[in-house]
Amino acid sequence: MTFKILQKEFHETLDAIYGVEEVDNFFFMLTEFYHHKSRLQIALNPNEVVENPLKLQKALVKLQAEKPIQYIIGETEFYGLSIKVSPDVLIPRPETEELVEWILNHENADAPLQLLDVGTGSGCIAIALAKHLPNAQVFALDISRAALKVAKENADNSGVKVNFIDADVLNSETMKGLLSQKFDIIVSNPPYVRKKEMSSMASNVLDNEPHLALFVEDDNPLLFYEAICSFSREHLKSEGRLFFEINEFLGTQMIRLLASYDFHDIQLKQDIFKKDRMIKAIYN
């Protein structure tokens, strides 16, 4: 079987689901990953015989079932880093890269910062910040031990030191006991999708990504933000910075929440899609 024949099979099976361009992207991602063949190499030699096409054929079946390609190959790119992902962690989004960029634009790369990432998942935020803030002491916590296992592997693969902690941010007493130091920066991308918004989400997200990391109850959508604000009042240094990724529909509520916890210089920031996606505030 040749690459040309396999590519045709991908299009015949998947075009109705994803569209021609996206199917091509999937096909070339997979050929690069499994066979180390670039798009250009295949274009120049489309009739090259594929050795062991089984992996591509298995991936095709998974894509037909709308399994995210990042879970199929087990990794994705985030802020220039290769990040391993599994169904135990969310697939990092471009909007979260924007959050990292915003933080880095505010900070001195050489400063000896103390930094905490709450709800780290794959570790992508903490690892990217550790990579670009080499003198920072970075901590990251999550309630999921399976997620922390993935995050630790990502930190090792990226060559950075991150102190990972198994903790529940909603358990204030446990949090106090685990973390006694104060931080210059606390950042979080917590669960923020209300369950009533599930119907507008793509099925490949709903059916594959961990609901624990995605959803909150409709009647208390700021549950995690309130817990993190409360913790941050005790654990941010003077003029410490708090950064959140947020639900695009709850920007006004987030401003009110931060103000109620005595944060100031509150800035709401849109992502590249013009959605209210990030917020920054300072304490003291």
C-alpha atoms as a PDB file:
ATOM      1  CA  MET A   1       0.000   0.000   0.000  1.00  0.00           C
ATOM      2  CA  THR A   2       1.344   3.459  -0.926  1.00  0.00           C
ATOM      3  CA  PHE A   3       1.021   6.814   0.826  1.00  0.00           C
ATOM      4  CA  LYS A   4      -1.173   8.013  -2.068  1.00  0.00           C
ATOM      5  CA  ILE A   5      -3.624   5.156  -1.617  1.00  0.00           C
ATOM      6  CA  LEU A   6      -3.716   5.622   2.152  1.00  0.00           C
ATOM      7  CA  GLN A   7      -4.318   9.360   1.813  1.00  0.00           C
ATOM      8  CA  LYS A   8      -7.222   8.651  -0.560  1.00  0.00           C
ATOM      9  CA  GLU A   9      -8.660   6.239   2.017  1.00  0.00           C
ATOM     10  CA  PHE A  10      -8.416   8.943   4.698  1.00  0.00           C
ATOM     11  CA  HIS A  11     -10.339  11.392   2.512  1.00  0.00           C
ATOM     12  CA  GLU A  12     -13.015   8.879   1.536  1.00  0.00           C
ATOM     13  CA  THR A  13     -13.598   8.016   5.193  1.00  0.00           C
ATOM     14  CA  LEU A  14     -13.173  11.372   6.934  1.00  0.00           C
ATOM     15  CA  ASP A  15     -13.932  14.274   4.592  1.00  0.00           C
ATOM     16  CA  ALA A  16     -17.614  14.313   5.535  1.00  0.00           C
ATOM     17  CA  ILE A  17     -16.682  14.633   9.208  1.00  0.00           C
ATOM     18  CA  TYR A  18     -13.743  17.048   9.160  1.00  0.00           C
ATOM     19  CA  GLY A  19     -13.412  18.560   5.678  1.00  0.00           C
ATOM     20  CA  VAL A  20     -10.660  18.085   3.102  1.00  0.00           C
ATOM     21  CA  GLU A  21      -8.062  20.452   4.580  1.00  0.00           C
ATOM     22  CA  GLU A  22      -8.330  19.091   8.118  1.00  0.00           C
ATOM     23  CA  VAL A  23      -8.099  15.500   6.864  1.00  0.00           C
ATOM     24  CA  ASP A  24      -4.893  16.377   5.020  1.00  0.00           C
ATOM     25  CA  ASN A  25      -3.541  17.932   8.222  1.00  0.00           C
ATOM     26  CA  PHE A  26      -4.356  14.763  10.161  1.00  0.00           C
ATOM     27  CA  PHE A  27      -2.820  12.510   7.515  1.00  0.00           C
ATOM     28  CA  PHE A  28       0.472  14.401   7.390  1.00  0.00           C
ATOM     29  CA  MET A  29       0.679  14.708  11.176  1.00  0.00           C
ATOM     30  CA  LEU A  30       0.352  10.936  11.383  1.00  0.00           C
ATOM     31  CA  THR A  31       2.822  10.168   8.605  1.00  0.00           C
ATOM     32  CA  GLU A  32       5.337  12.487  10.262  1.00  0.00           C
ATOM     33  CA  PHE A  33       4.768  10.890  13.658  1.00  0.00           C
ATOM     34  CA  TYR A  34       4.688   7.218  12.645  1.00  0.00           C
ATOM     35  CA  HIS A  35       6.885   7.198   9.543  1.00  0.00           C
ATOM     36  CA  HIS A  36       9.025  10.356   9.841  1.00  0.00           C
ATOM     37  CA  LYS A  37       7.818  11.461   6.418  1.00  0.00           C
ATOM     38  CA  SER A  38       7.041  15.123   5.842  1.00  0.00           C
ATOM     39  CA  ARG A  39       4.303  16.528   3.644  1.00  0.00           C
ATOM     40  CA  LEU A  40       6.954  17.531   1.078  1.00  0.00           C
ATOM     41  CA  GLN A  41       8.577  14.098   1.036  1.00  0.00           C
ATOM     42  CA  ILE A  42       5.230  12.428   0.379  1.00  0.00           C
ATOM     43  CA  ALA A  43       4.327  14.983  -2.300  1.00  0.00           C
ATOM     44  CA  LEU A  44       7.584  14.213  -4.083  1.00  0.00           C
ATOM     45  CA  ASN A  45       7.162  10.451  -3.811  1.00  0.00           C
ATOM     46  CA  PRO A  46       3.441   9.647  -3.340  1.00  0.00           C
ATOM     47  CA  ASN A  47       3.780   6.096  -4.618  1.00  0.00           C
ATOM     48  CA  GLU A  48       6.305   5.083  -1.984  1.00  0.00           C
ATOM     49  CA  VAL A  49       5.215   1.882  -0.289  1.00  0.00           C
ATOM     50  CA  VAL A  50       4.209   2.339   3.357  1.00  0.00           C
ATOM     51  CA  GLU A  51       6.004  -0.081   5.611  1.00  0.00           C
ATOM     52  CA  ASN A  52       3.633  -1.302   8.331  1.00  0.00           C
ATOM     53  CA  PRO A  53       0.540   0.770   7.442  1.00  0.00           C
ATOM     54  CA  LEU A  54      -1.384  -0.720  10.382  1.00  0.00           C
ATOM     55  CA  LYS A  55      -0.746   2.248  12.705  1.00  0.00           C
ATOM     56  CA  LEU A  56      -2.159   4.663  10.152  1.00  0.00           C
ATOM     57  CA  GLN A  57      -5.172   2.429   9.573  1.00  0.00           C
ATOM     58  CA  LYS A  58      -5.837   2.161  13.322  1.00  0.00           C
ATOM     59  CA  ALA A  59      -5.559   5.938  13.610  1.00  0.00           C
ATOM     60  CA  LEU A  60      -8.069   6.285  10.774  1.00  0.00           C
ATOM     61  CA  VAL A  61     -10.600   4.183  12.687  1.00  0.00           C
ATOM     62  CA  LYS A  62     -10.104   6.337  15.804  1.00  0.00           C
ATOM     63  CA  LEU A  63     -10.481   9.553  13.823  1.00  0.00           C
ATOM     64  CA  GLN A  64     -13.687   8.203  12.302  1.00  0.00           C
ATOM     65  CA  ALA A  65     -14.940   7.774  15.882  1.00  0.00           C
ATOM     66  CA  GLU A  66     -13.951  11.443  16.478  1.00  0.00           C
ATOM     67  CA  LYS A  67     -11.159  10.709  18.908  1.00  0.00           C
ATOM     68  CA  PRO A  68      -8.863  13.788  19.106  1.00  0.00           C
ATOM     69  CA  ILE A  69      -5.690  13.306  17.111  1.00  0.00           C
ATOM     70  CA  GLN A  70      -3.641  14.577  20.066  1.00  0.00           C
ATOM     71  CA  TYR A  71      -4.794  11.565  22.098  1.00  0.00           C
ATOM     72  CA  ILE A  72      -4.122   9.242  19.158  1.00  0.00           C
ATOM     73  CA  ILE A  73      -0.480  10.257  18.858  1.00  0.00           C
ATOM     74  CA  GLY A  74      -0.201  11.004  22.575  1.00  0.00           C
ATOM     75  CA  GLU A  75       1.284  14.462  22.308  1.00  0.00           C
ATOM     76  CA  THR A  76       0.752  18.018  21.140  1.00  0.00           C
ATOM     77  CA  GLU A  77       2.729  21.236  20.891  1.00  0.00           C
ATOM     78  CA  PHE A  78       2.327  23.986  23.454  1.00  0.00           C
ATOM     79  CA  TYR A  79       4.346  27.197  23.420  1.00  0.00           C
ATOM     80  CA  GLY A  80       7.115  25.533  21.419  1.00  0.00           C
ATOM     81  CA  LEU A  81       7.258  22.473  23.687  1.00  0.00           C
ATOM     82  CA  SER A  82       6.237  18.897  22.998  1.00  0.00           C
ATOM     83  CA  ILE A  83       3.614  18.016  25.611  1.00  0.00           C
ATOM     84  CA  LYS A  84       2.390  14.486  26.174  1.00  0.00           C
ATOM     85  CA  VAL A  85      -1.364  14.146  26.613  1.00  0.00           C
ATOM     86  CA  SER A  86      -3.722  11.350  27.576  1.00  0.00           C
ATOM     87  CA  PRO A  87      -7.455  11.147  28.309  1.00  0.00           C
ATOM     88  CA  ASP A  88      -6.511  12.023  31.917  1.00  0.00           C
ATOM     89  CA  VAL A  89      -5.642  15.604  30.922  1.00  0.00           C
ATOM     90  CA  LEU A  90      -7.143  18.339  28.783  1.00  0.00           C
ATOM     91  CA  ILE A  91      -5.577  18.982  25.406  1.00  0.00           C
ATOM     92  CA  PRO A  92      -3.821  22.378  25.719  1.00  0.00           C
ATOM     93  CA  ARG A  93      -5.491  25.156  23.725  1.00  0.00           C
ATOM     94  CA  PRO A  94      -4.004  28.097  21.815  1.00  0.00           C
ATOM     95  CA  GLU A  95      -5.853  30.453  24.176  1.00  0.00           C
ATOM     96  CA  THR A  96      -3.837  29.053  27.068  1.00  0.00           C
ATOM     97  CA  GLU A  97      -0.650  29.821  25.153  1.00  0.00           C
ATOM     98  CA  GLU A  98      -1.891  33.408  25.072  1.00  0.00           C
ATOM     99  CA  LEU A  99      -2.220  33.335  28.861  1.00  0.00           C
ATOM    100  CA  VAL A 100       1.406  32.162  29.174  1.00  0.00           C
ATOM    101  CA  GLU A 101       2.504  34.870  26.759  1.00  0.00           C
ATOM    102  CA  TRP A 102       0.680  37.519  28.796  1.00  0.00           C
ATOM    103  CA  ILE A 103       2.421  36.412  31.988  1.00  0.00           C
ATOM    104  CA  LEU A 104       5.841  36.363  30.356  1.00  0.00           C
ATOM    105  CA  ASN A 105       5.295  39.842  28.937  1.00  0.00           C
ATOM    106  CA  HIS A 106       4.749  41.110  32.507  1.00  0.00           C
ATOM    107  CA  GLU A 107       7.714  39.416  34.145  1.00  0.00           C
ATOM    108  CA  ASN A 108      11.480  39.834  34.259  1.00  0.00           C
ATOM    109  CA  ALA A 109      12.881  36.608  32.808  1.00  0.00           C
ATOM    110  CA  ASP A 110      15.861  36.700  35.207  1.00  0.00           C
ATOM    111  CA  ALA A 111      13.917  37.407  38.391  1.00  0.00           C
ATOM    112  CA  PRO A 112      13.944  34.800  41.203  1.00  0.00           C
ATOM    113  CA  LEU A 113      10.178  34.358  41.255  1.00  0.00           C
ATOM    114  CA  GLN A 114       7.980  32.037  43.286  1.00  0.00           C
ATOM    115  CA  LEU A 115       5.183  30.761  41.034  1.00  0.00           C
ATOM    116  CA  LEU A 116       2.182  28.454  41.528  1.00  0.00           C
ATOM    117  CA  ASP A 117      -0.029  26.847  38.853  1.00  0.00           C
ATOM    118  CA  VAL A 118      -3.352  25.626  40.281  1.00  0.00           C
ATOM    119  CA  GLY A 119      -5.017  22.746  38.424  1.00  0.00           C
ATOM    120  CA  THR A 120      -1.998  22.009  36.265  1.00  0.00           C
ATOM    121  CA  GLY A 121      -3.365  19.102  34.199  1.00  0.00           C
ATOM    122  CA  SER A 122      -0.699  18.213  31.633  1.00  0.00           C
ATOM    123  CA  GLY A 123       1.599  20.743  33.303  1.00  0.00           C
ATOM    124  CA  CYS A 124       1.730  22.855  30.151  1.00  0.00           C
ATOM    125  CA  ILE A 125       1.420  26.263  31.853  1.00  0.00           C
ATOM    126  CA  ALA A 126       3.877  25.527  34.664  1.00  0.00           C
ATOM    127  CA  ILE A 127       6.408  23.911  32.319  1.00  0.00           C
ATOM    128  CA  ALA A 128       6.283  26.697  29.728  1.00  0.00           C
ATOM    129  CA  LEU A 129       6.748  29.299  32.464  1.00  0.00           C
ATOM    130  CA  ALA A 130       9.592  27.333  34.044  1.00  0.00           C
ATOM    131  CA  LYS A 131      11.275  27.092  30.655  1.00  0.00           C
ATOM    132  CA  HIS A 132      11.145  30.837  30.059  1.00  0.00           C
ATOM    133  CA  LEU A 133      11.674  31.968  33.664  1.00  0.00           C
ATOM    134  CA  PRO A 134      14.815  29.968  34.499  1.00  0.00           C
ATOM    135  CA  ASN A 135      15.308  31.514  37.930  1.00  0.00           C
ATOM    136  CA  ALA A 136      11.728  30.911  39.046  1.00  0.00           C
ATOM    137  CA  GLN A 137      10.797  28.287  41.607  1.00  0.00           C
ATOM    138  CA  VAL A 138       7.686  26.718  40.092  1.00  0.00           C
ATOM    139  CA  PHE A 139       5.010  24.743  41.938  1.00  0.00           C
ATOM    140  CA  ALA A 140       2.010  23.063  40.329  1.00  0.00           C
ATOM    141  CA  LEU A 141      -0.895  21.202  41.886  1.00  0.00           C
ATOM    142  CA  ASP A 142      -3.769  19.038  40.742  1.00  0.00           C
ATOM    143  CA  ILE A 143      -6.349  16.789  42.359  1.00  0.00           C
ATOM    144  CA  SER A 144      -5.803  14.078  39.723  1.00  0.00           C
ATOM    145  CA  ARG A 145      -2.871  11.762  40.370  1.00  0.00           C
ATOM    146  CA  ALA A 146      -3.155  10.469  36.808  1.00  0.00           C
ATOM    147  CA  ALA A 147      -2.792  14.035  35.506  1.00  0.00           C
ATOM    148  CA  LEU A 148       0.185  14.661  37.784  1.00  0.00           C
ATOM    149  CA  LYS A 149       1.902  11.575  36.380  1.00  0.00           C
ATOM    150  CA  VAL A 150       1.560  13.003  32.873  1.00  0.00           C
ATOM    151  CA  ALA A 151       2.711  16.448  34.053  1.00  0.00           C
ATOM    152  CA  LYS A 152       5.830  15.043  35.745  1.00  0.00           C
ATOM    153  CA  GLU A 153       6.780  13.212  32.566  1.00  0.00           C
ATOM    154  CA  ASN A 154       6.329  16.414  30.575  1.00  0.00           C
ATOM    155  CA  ALA A 155       8.519  18.382  32.963  1.00  0.00           C
ATOM    156  CA  ASP A 156      11.262  15.754  32.740  1.00  0.00           C
ATOM    157  CA  ASN A 157      11.055  15.687  28.947  1.00  0.00           C
ATOM    158  CA  SER A 158      11.225  19.488  28.798  1.00  0.00           C
ATOM    159  CA  GLY A 159      14.240  19.622  31.113  1.00  0.00           C
ATOM    160  CA  VAL A 160      12.653  21.841  33.755  1.00  0.00           C
ATOM    161  CA  LYS A 161      12.164  21.555  37.494  1.00  0.00           C
ATOM    162  CA  VAL A 162       8.574  21.812  38.689  1.00  0.00           C
ATOM    163  CA  ASN A 163       7.435  20.900  42.204  1.00  0.00           C
ATOM    164  CA  PHE A 164       4.222  18.918  41.720  1.00  0.00           C
ATOM    165  CA  ILE A 165       1.674  18.606  44.519  1.00  0.00           C
ATOM    166  CA  ASP A 166      -1.337  16.316  44.870  1.00  0.00           C
ATOM    167  CA  ALA A 167      -3.977  18.635  46.340  1.00  0.00           C
ATOM    168  CA  ASP A 168      -7.583  19.789  46.121  1.00  0.00           C
ATOM    169  CA  VAL A 169      -7.864  23.565  45.863  1.00  0.00           C
ATOM    170  CA  LEU A 170     -11.421  23.343  47.232  1.00  0.00           C
ATOM    171  CA  ASN A 171     -10.096  21.900  50.497  1.00  0.00           C
ATOM    172  CA  SER A 172      -8.804  25.040  52.201  1.00  0.00           C
ATOM    173  CA  GLU A 173      -7.376  23.279  55.265  1.00  0.00           C
ATOM    174  CA  THR A 174      -5.356  20.842  53.171  1.00  0.00           C
ATOM    175  CA  MET A 175      -4.088  23.657  50.990  1.00  0.00           C
ATOM    176  CA  LYS A 176      -2.864  25.610  53.991  1.00  0.00           C
ATOM    177  CA  GLY A 177      -0.929  22.611  55.241  1.00  0.00           C
ATOM    178  CA  LEU A 178       0.715  21.842  51.899  1.00  0.00           C
ATOM    179  CA  LEU A 179       1.849  25.316  50.954  1.00  0.00           C
ATOM    180  CA  SER A 180       3.182  27.679  53.567  1.00  0.00           C
ATOM    181  CA  GLN A 181       5.277  29.975  51.356  1.00  0.00           C
ATOM    182  CA  LYS A 182       4.110  33.062  49.498  1.00  0.00           C
ATOM    183  CA  PHE A 183       4.168  33.525  45.747  1.00  0.00           C
ATOM    184  CA  ASP A 184       4.884  36.314  43.283  1.00  0.00           C
ATOM    185  CA  ILE A 185       2.515  34.757  40.744  1.00  0.00           C
ATOM    186  CA  ILE A 186      -0.449  32.414  41.009  1.00  0.00           C
ATOM    187  CA  VAL A 187      -1.976  31.234  37.741  1.00  0.00           C
ATOM    188  CA  SER A 188      -4.877  28.924  37.023  1.00  0.00           C
ATOM    189  CA  ASN A 189      -6.957  27.561  34.174  1.00  0.00           C
ATOM    190  CA  PRO A 190      -9.593  25.833  36.320  1.00  0.00           C
ATOM    191  CA  PRO A 191     -12.824  24.121  35.236  1.00  0.00           C
ATOM    192  CA  TYR A 192     -15.121  26.873  33.966  1.00  0.00           C
ATOM    193  CA  VAL A 193     -17.583  25.458  31.421  1.00  0.00           C
ATOM    194  CA  ARG A 194     -21.118  25.477  32.820  1.00  0.00           C
ATOM    195  CA  LYS A 195     -23.042  22.259  32.301  1.00  0.00           C
ATOM    196  CA  LYS A 196     -25.723  24.168  30.412  1.00  0.00           C
ATOM    197  CA  GLU A 197     -23.048  24.973  27.811  1.00  0.00           C
ATOM    198  CA  MET A 198     -22.365  21.297  27.097  1.00  0.00           C
ATOM    199  CA  SER A 199     -24.818  21.239  24.193  1.00  0.00           C
ATOM    200  CA  SER A 200     -22.721  23.782  22.285  1.00  0.00           C
ATOM    201  CA  MET A 201     -19.491  21.807  22.633  1.00  0.00           C
ATOM    202  CA  ALA A 202     -18.024  19.525  20.000  1.00  0.00           C
ATOM    203  CA  SER A 203     -18.653  15.831  20.548  1.00  0.00           C
ATOM    204  CA  ASN A 204     -14.959  14.986  20.269  1.00  0.00           C
ATOM    205  CA  VAL A 205     -14.372  17.121  23.377  1.00  0.00           C
ATOM    206  CA  LEU A 206     -17.400  15.859  25.305  1.00  0.00           C
ATOM    207  CA  ASP A 207     -16.718  12.215  24.548  1.00  0.00           C
ATOM    208  CA  ASN A 208     -12.973  12.211  25.176  1.00  0.00           C
ATOM    209  CA  GLU A 209     -11.644  14.951  27.443  1.00  0.00           C
ATOM    210  CA  PRO A 210     -11.905  14.691  31.248  1.00  0.00           C
ATOM    211  CA  HIS A 211     -15.114  16.278  32.538  1.00  0.00           C
ATOM    212  CA  LEU A 212     -13.461  16.827  35.935  1.00  0.00           C
ATOM    213  CA  ALA A 213     -11.208  19.415  34.294  1.00  0.00           C
ATOM    214  CA  LEU A 214     -13.921  21.018  32.174  1.00  0.00           C
ATOM    215  CA  PHE A 215     -17.248  21.477  33.927  1.00  0.00           C
ATOM    216  CA  VAL A 216     -18.784  23.311  36.858  1.00  0.00           C
ATOM    217  CA  GLU A 217     -22.358  23.400  38.100  1.00  0.00           C
ATOM    218  CA  ASP A 218     -24.572  26.060  36.553  1.00  0.00           C
ATOM    219  CA  ASP A 219     -25.509  27.537  39.926  1.00  0.00           C
ATOM    220  CA  ASN A 220     -21.895  28.031  41.084  1.00  0.00           C
ATOM    221  CA  PRO A 221     -19.705  28.634  38.014  1.00  0.00           C
ATOM    222  CA  LEU A 222     -17.038  30.607  39.912  1.00  0.00           C
ATOM    223  CA  LEU A 223     -16.520  27.904  42.538  1.00  0.00           C
ATOM    224  CA  PHE A 224     -12.855  27.316  41.729  1.00  0.00           C
ATOM    225  CA  TYR A 225     -12.069  30.993  41.158  1.00  0.00           C
ATOM    226  CA  GLU A 226     -13.468  31.918  44.557  1.00  0.00           C
ATOM    227  CA  ALA A 227     -11.394  29.206  46.260  1.00  0.00           C
ATOM    228  CA  ILE A 228      -8.245  30.355  44.456  1.00  0.00           C
ATOM    229  CA  CYS A 229      -8.932  34.019  45.283  1.00  0.00           C
ATOM    230  CA  SER A 230      -9.321  33.119  48.947  1.00  0.00           C
ATOM    231  CA  PHE A 231      -6.103  31.101  48.905  1.00  0.00           C
ATOM    232  CA  SER A 232      -4.275  33.856  46.989  1.00  0.00           C
ATOM    233  CA  ARG A 233      -5.085  36.504  49.587  1.00  0.00           C
ATOM    234  CA  GLU A 234      -3.057  34.474  52.078  1.00  0.00           C
ATOM    235  CA  HIS A 235      -0.347  33.236  49.721  1.00  0.00           C
ATOM    236  CA  LEU A 236       0.490  36.092  47.376  1.00  0.00           C
ATOM    237  CA  LYS A 237       3.309  38.449  48.271  1.00  0.00           C
ATOM    238  CA  SER A 238       2.670  42.172  48.351  1.00  0.00           C
ATOM    239  CA  GLU A 239       1.941  43.249  44.770  1.00  0.00           C
ATOM    240  CA  GLY A 240       1.637  39.590  43.825  1.00  0.00           C
ATOM    241  CA  ARG A 241      -0.039  38.821  40.511  1.00  0.00           C
ATOM    242  CA  LEU A 242      -3.015  36.521  39.953  1.00  0.00           C
ATOM    243  CA  PHE A 243      -3.732  35.309  36.408  1.00  0.00           C
ATOM    244  CA  PHE A 244      -6.758  33.296  35.280  1.00  0.00           C
ATOM    245  CA  GLU A 245      -8.113  31.808  32.097  1.00  0.00           C
ATOM    246  CA  ILE A 246     -11.873  32.316  32.276  1.00  0.00           C
ATOM    247  CA  ASN A 247     -15.245  31.523  30.739  1.00  0.00           C
ATOM    248  CA  GLU A 248     -15.826  34.066  27.971  1.00  0.00           C
ATOM    249  CA  PHE A 249     -19.349  34.791  29.293  1.00  0.00           C
ATOM    250  CA  LEU A 250     -18.307  35.525  32.881  1.00  0.00           C
ATOM    251  CA  GLY A 251     -15.831  38.387  32.561  1.00  0.00           C
ATOM    252  CA  THR A 252     -17.992  40.905  34.441  1.00  0.00           C
ATOM    253  CA  GLN A 253     -18.644  38.439  37.254  1.00  0.00           C
ATOM    254  CA  MET A 254     -14.908  37.754  37.501  1.00  0.00           C
ATOM    255  CA  ILE A 255     -14.119  41.443  37.850  1.00  0.00           C
ATOM    256  CA  ARG A 256     -16.652  41.696  40.682  1.00  0.00           C
ATOM    257  CA  LEU A 257     -15.269  38.583  42.363  1.00  0.00           C
ATOM    258  CA  LEU A 258     -11.676  39.812  42.294  1.00  0.00           C
ATOM    259  CA  ALA A 259     -12.684  43.230  43.597  1.00  0.00           C
ATOM    260  CA  SER A 260     -14.609  41.600  46.461  1.00  0.00           C
ATOM    261  CA  TYR A 261     -11.368  39.881  47.515  1.00  0.00           C
ATOM    262  CA  ASP A 262      -9.518  43.240  47.539  1.00  0.00           C
ATOM    263  CA  PHE A 263      -7.602  42.732  44.305  1.00  0.00           C
ATOM    264  CA  HIS A 264      -6.839  45.848  42.270  1.00  0.00           C
ATOM    265  CA  ASP A 265      -5.538  46.820  38.825  1.00  0.00           C
ATOM    266  CA  ILE A 266      -7.896  44.203  37.380  1.00  0.00           C
ATOM    267  CA  GLN A 267      -7.404  43.709  33.639  1.00  0.00           C
ATOM    268  CA  LEU A 268      -9.719  41.679  31.416  1.00  0.00           C
ATOM    269  CA  LYS A 269      -8.088  40.545  28.173  1.00  0.00           C
ATOM    270  CA  GLN A 270      -9.530  39.085  24.996  1.00  0.00           C
ATOM    271  CA  ASP A 271      -8.005  36.189  23.098  1.00  0.00           C
ATOM    272  CA  ILE A 272      -7.310  36.115  19.356  1.00  0.00           C
ATOM    273  CA  PHE A 273     -10.961  35.212  18.780  1.00  0.00           C
ATOM    274  CA  LYS A 274     -12.089  38.438  20.524  1.00  0.00           C
ATOM    275  CA  LYS A 275     -13.499  36.554  23.496  1.00  0.00           C
ATOM    276  CA  ASP A 276     -12.992  37.615  27.125  1.00  0.00           C
ATOM    277  CA  ARG A 277     -10.573  34.826  28.022  1.00  0.00           C
ATOM    278  CA  MET A 278      -7.990  36.061  30.548  1.00  0.00           C
ATOM    279  CA  ILE A 279      -7.940  38.219  33.620  1.00  0.00           C
ATOM    280  CA  LYS A 280      -5.117  39.606  35.744  1.00  0.00           C
ATOM    281  CA  ALA A 281      -5.217  41.227  39.168  1.00  0.00           C
ATOM    282  CA  ILE A 282      -2.818  42.419  41.867  1.00  0.00           C
ATOM    283  CA  TYR A 283      -3.111  41.958  45.600  1.00  0.00           C
ATOM    284  CA  ASN A 284      -2.107  44.708  48.099  1.00  0.00           C
END
